[in-house]
Amino acid sequence: MNAIVSGVSRGSDVLQQITAATGEQSDGIGQVNVAVAELDRMTQENAALVEESSAAAERLEEQSQRLAEVVGAFSLADSTSRAP
């Protein structure tokens, strides 16, 4: 009878350890899920920033082309043809 009680007690201990390990694994999986969600959010923010940067670069390119056209309308007198 003592052997049966001892075996049941060991089985109960093992089940408690399994329950504790399962809880720890569940907590770990929850933390991984939070980290993955944060990485996803950051990736989406980075993608939006890249789009904004690309649009800004295109606007700057257009502005620089217009500026080059405006500046091109001006001509400087040749400094060698001026009288001292």
N, C-alpha and C. Protein backbone atom coordinates (compact mmCIF):
# COMPACT_ATOMS: atom_id res chain seq x y z
N MET A 1 0.82 -1.19 0.00
CA MET A 1 0.00 0.00 0.00
C MET A 1 0.88 1.26 0.00
N ASN A 2 1.97 1.20 0.81
CA ASN A 2 2.88 2.35 0.83
C ASN A 2 3.49 2.60 -0.55
N ALA A 3 3.80 1.54 -1.27
CA ALA A 3 4.37 1.68 -2.60
C ALA A 3 3.38 2.36 -3.54
N ILE A 4 2.13 2.02 -3.43
CA ILE A 4 1.09 2.63 -4.27
C ILE A 4 0.96 4.11 -3.94
N VAL A 5 0.91 4.42 -2.66
CA VAL A 5 0.81 5.82 -2.23
C VAL A 5 2.03 6.59 -2.70
N SER A 6 3.20 6.01 -2.57
CA SER A 6 4.43 6.66 -3.02
C SER A 6 4.41 6.88 -4.53
N GLY A 7 3.95 5.90 -5.28
CA GLY A 7 3.87 6.02 -6.75
C GLY A 7 2.89 7.10 -7.17
N VAL A 8 1.75 7.14 -6.49
CA VAL A 8 0.75 8.18 -6.78
C VAL A 8 1.32 9.56 -6.45
N SER A 9 2.04 9.65 -5.36
CA SER A 9 2.64 10.93 -4.97
C SER A 9 3.66 11.39 -6.01
N ARG A 10 4.50 10.45 -6.48
CA ARG A 10 5.48 10.80 -7.52
C ARG A 10 4.76 11.22 -8.81
N GLY A 11 3.71 10.50 -9.15
CA GLY A 11 2.93 10.87 -10.34
C GLY A 11 2.33 12.24 -10.20
N SER A 12 1.83 12.55 -9.01
CA SER A 12 1.26 13.88 -8.74
C SER A 12 2.33 14.96 -8.87
N ASP A 13 3.52 14.68 -8.35
CA ASP A 13 4.63 15.63 -8.46
C ASP A 13 5.00 15.89 -9.92
N VAL A 14 5.04 14.80 -10.68
CA VAL A 14 5.37 14.94 -12.11
C VAL A 14 4.30 15.78 -12.82
N LEU A 15 3.04 15.53 -12.50
CA LEU A 15 1.97 16.32 -13.13
C LEU A 15 2.06 17.79 -12.74
N GLN A 16 2.43 18.08 -11.50
CA GLN A 16 2.61 19.47 -11.08
C GLN A 16 3.76 20.14 -11.83
N GLN A 17 4.84 19.39 -12.03
CA GLN A 17 5.97 19.93 -12.78
C GLN A 17 5.57 20.18 -14.23
N ILE A 18 4.83 19.26 -14.80
CA ILE A 18 4.37 19.43 -16.19
C ILE A 18 3.45 20.65 -16.29
N THR A 19 2.57 20.81 -15.31
CA THR A 19 1.67 21.96 -15.30
C THR A 19 2.46 23.26 -15.20
N ALA A 20 3.46 23.30 -14.33
CA ALA A 20 4.28 24.50 -14.18
C ALA A 20 5.05 24.79 -15.47
N ALA A 21 5.62 23.75 -16.08
CA ALA A 21 6.38 23.94 -17.32
C ALA A 21 5.47 24.42 -18.44
N THR A 22 4.25 23.88 -18.48
CA THR A 22 3.29 24.31 -19.50
C THR A 22 2.94 25.78 -19.33
N GLY A 23 2.76 26.20 -18.08
CA GLY A 23 2.48 27.62 -17.82
C GLY A 23 3.63 28.51 -18.25
N GLU A 24 4.85 28.08 -17.96
CA GLU A 24 6.03 28.86 -18.36
C GLU A 24 6.14 28.94 -19.88
N GLN A 25 5.87 27.82 -20.54
CA GLN A 25 5.91 27.83 -22.01
C GLN A 25 4.84 28.75 -22.57
N SER A 26 3.67 28.72 -21.96
CA SER A 26 2.59 29.60 -22.41
C SER A 26 2.98 31.06 -22.25
N ASP A 27 3.59 31.39 -21.12
CA ASP A 27 4.07 32.77 -20.91
C ASP A 27 5.12 33.14 -21.95
N GLY A 28 6.03 32.22 -22.22
CA GLY A 28 7.07 32.48 -23.22
C GLY A 28 6.49 32.71 -24.60
N ILE A 29 5.50 31.91 -24.96
CA ILE A 29 4.85 32.07 -26.27
C ILE A 29 4.13 33.42 -26.33
N GLY A 30 3.52 33.81 -25.22
CA GLY A 30 2.86 35.12 -25.17
C GLY A 30 3.86 36.24 -25.39
N GLN A 31 5.03 36.13 -24.78
CA GLN A 31 6.07 37.16 -24.95
C GLN A 31 6.57 37.20 -26.40
N VAL A 32 6.71 36.03 -27.00
CA VAL A 32 7.13 35.98 -28.40
C VAL A 32 6.07 36.64 -29.29
N ASN A 33 4.81 36.38 -29.00
CA ASN A 33 3.73 36.99 -29.78
C ASN A 33 3.76 38.51 -29.67
N VAL A 34 4.01 39.01 -28.47
CA VAL A 34 4.10 40.46 -28.28
C VAL A 34 5.27 41.03 -29.08
N ALA A 35 6.41 40.34 -29.02
CA ALA A 35 7.59 40.81 -29.76
C ALA A 35 7.35 40.80 -31.26
N VAL A 36 6.70 39.76 -31.76
CA VAL A 36 6.41 39.68 -33.20
C VAL A 36 5.45 40.80 -33.61
N ALA A 37 4.45 41.07 -32.78
CA ALA A 37 3.51 42.15 -33.07
C ALA A 37 4.24 43.50 -33.11
N GLU A 38 5.17 43.70 -32.19
CA GLU A 38 5.95 44.95 -32.16
C GLU A 38 6.83 45.06 -33.41
N LEU A 39 7.46 43.96 -33.80
CA LEU A 39 8.28 43.97 -35.02
C LEU A 39 7.42 44.28 -36.24
N ASP A 40 6.22 43.72 -36.28
CA ASP A 40 5.31 43.98 -37.39
C ASP A 40 4.93 45.46 -37.45
N ARG A 41 4.64 46.03 -36.28
CA ARG A 41 4.29 47.45 -36.23
C ARG A 41 5.46 48.32 -36.71
N MET A 42 6.65 47.98 -36.25
CA MET A 42 7.84 48.75 -36.64
C MET A 42 8.10 48.61 -38.14
N THR A 43 7.89 47.42 -38.68
CA THR A 43 8.08 47.21 -40.11
C THR A 43 7.10 48.05 -40.91
N GLN A 44 5.86 48.11 -40.46
CA GLN A 44 4.87 48.93 -41.15
C GLN A 44 5.22 50.42 -41.07
N GLU A 45 5.71 50.86 -39.91
CA GLU A 45 6.14 52.25 -39.77
C GLU A 45 7.31 52.55 -40.71
N ASN A 46 8.27 51.64 -40.77
CA ASN A 46 9.42 51.83 -41.66
C ASN A 46 8.99 51.90 -43.11
N ALA A 47 8.04 51.04 -43.50
CA ALA A 47 7.55 51.06 -44.88
C ALA A 47 6.89 52.40 -45.19
N ALA A 48 6.12 52.92 -44.24
CA ALA A 48 5.49 54.22 -44.44
C ALA A 48 6.54 55.32 -44.56
N LEU A 49 7.58 55.26 -43.73
CA LEU A 49 8.65 56.26 -43.80
C LEU A 49 9.39 56.19 -45.13
N VAL A 50 9.59 54.99 -45.64
CA VAL A 50 10.26 54.84 -46.93
C VAL A 50 9.40 55.46 -48.03
N GLU A 51 8.09 55.23 -47.97
CA GLU A 51 7.20 55.84 -48.96
C GLU A 51 7.26 57.36 -48.89
N GLU A 52 7.22 57.89 -47.67
CA GLU A 52 7.29 59.35 -47.51
C GLU A 52 8.62 59.89 -48.02
N SER A 53 9.70 59.20 -47.72
CA SER A 53 11.02 59.64 -48.18
C SER A 53 11.11 59.60 -49.70
N SER A 54 10.55 58.58 -50.29
CA SER A 54 10.57 58.45 -51.74
C SER A 54 9.78 59.60 -52.38
N ALA A 55 8.61 59.90 -51.83
CA ALA A 55 7.80 60.99 -52.36
C ALA A 55 8.53 62.32 -52.20
N ALA A 56 9.19 62.52 -51.05
CA ALA A 56 9.95 63.76 -50.83
C ALA A 56 11.11 63.87 -51.82
N ALA A 57 11.77 62.75 -52.08
CA ALA A 57 12.89 62.76 -53.04
C ALA A 57 12.38 63.11 -54.44
N GLU A 58 11.23 62.60 -54.80
CA GLU A 58 10.66 62.93 -56.11
C GLU A 58 10.33 64.42 -56.20
N ARG A 59 9.75 64.97 -55.12
CA ARG A 59 9.42 66.41 -55.12
C ARG A 59 10.71 67.24 -55.21
N LEU A 60 11.74 66.84 -54.49
CA LEU A 60 13.01 67.58 -54.56
C LEU A 60 13.61 67.51 -55.96
N GLU A 61 13.49 66.35 -56.59
CA GLU A 61 14.00 66.21 -57.96
C GLU A 61 13.26 67.16 -58.90
N GLU A 62 11.93 67.22 -58.77
CA GLU A 62 11.14 68.12 -59.61
C GLU A 62 11.52 69.57 -59.35
N GLN A 63 11.68 69.92 -58.07
CA GLN A 63 12.04 71.29 -57.73
C GLN A 63 13.43 71.64 -58.25
N SER A 64 14.36 70.71 -58.19
CA SER A 64 15.70 70.99 -58.67
C SER A 64 15.71 71.16 -60.20
N GLN A 65 14.89 70.40 -60.89
CA GLN A 65 14.78 70.57 -62.34
C GLN A 65 14.20 71.94 -62.69
N ARG A 66 13.16 72.34 -61.96
CA ARG A 66 12.58 73.67 -62.21
C ARG A 66 13.58 74.77 -61.90
N LEU A 67 14.32 74.60 -60.81
CA LEU A 67 15.32 75.59 -60.44
C LEU A 67 16.40 75.68 -61.51
N ALA A 68 16.83 74.54 -62.03
CA ALA A 68 17.84 74.54 -63.10
C ALA A 68 17.30 75.25 -64.34
N GLU A 69 16.03 75.07 -64.64
CA GLU A 69 15.44 75.76 -65.80
C GLU A 69 15.41 77.27 -65.58
N VAL A 70 15.02 77.70 -64.37
CA VAL A 70 14.95 79.13 -64.05
C VAL A 70 16.34 79.74 -64.08
N VAL A 71 17.30 79.08 -63.48
CA VAL A 71 18.67 79.60 -63.46
C VAL A 71 19.25 79.60 -64.87
N GLY A 72 18.88 78.65 -65.67
CA GLY A 72 19.38 78.56 -67.04
C GLY A 72 18.93 79.73 -67.90
N ALA A 73 17.88 80.42 -67.48
CA ALA A 73 17.41 81.57 -68.25
C ALA A 73 18.35 82.76 -68.09
N PHE A 74 19.14 82.77 -67.07
CA PHE A 74 20.08 83.86 -66.84
C PHE A 74 21.42 83.50 -67.49
N SER A 75 22.06 84.51 -68.04
CA SER A 75 23.39 84.27 -68.58
C SER A 75 24.34 85.32 -67.99
N LEU A 76 25.53 84.86 -67.69
CA LEU A 76 26.53 85.77 -67.13
C LEU A 76 27.37 86.33 -68.26
N ALA A 77 27.70 87.58 -68.14
CA ALA A 77 28.58 88.20 -69.14
C ALA A 77 29.96 87.59 -69.00
N ASP A 78 30.64 87.44 -70.11
CA ASP A 78 31.99 86.90 -70.09
C ASP A 78 32.91 87.92 -69.45
N SER A 79 33.64 87.52 -68.44
CA SER A 79 34.49 88.47 -67.70
C SER A 79 35.64 88.99 -68.54
N THR A 80 36.02 88.32 -69.61
CA THR A 80 37.13 88.79 -70.46
C THR A 80 36.67 89.90 -71.40
N SER A 81 35.39 90.01 -71.63
CA SER A 81 34.92 91.03 -72.57
C SER A 81 34.61 92.34 -71.88
N ARG A 82 34.74 92.42 -70.59
CA ARG A 82 34.46 93.64 -69.87
C ARG A 82 35.66 94.60 -69.97
N ALA A 83 35.34 95.80 -70.00
CA ALA A 83 36.41 96.82 -69.99
C ALA A 83 36.80 97.10 -68.56
N PRO A 84 38.11 97.27 -68.30
CA PRO A 84 38.54 97.55 -66.91
C PRO A 84 38.12 98.87 -66.43
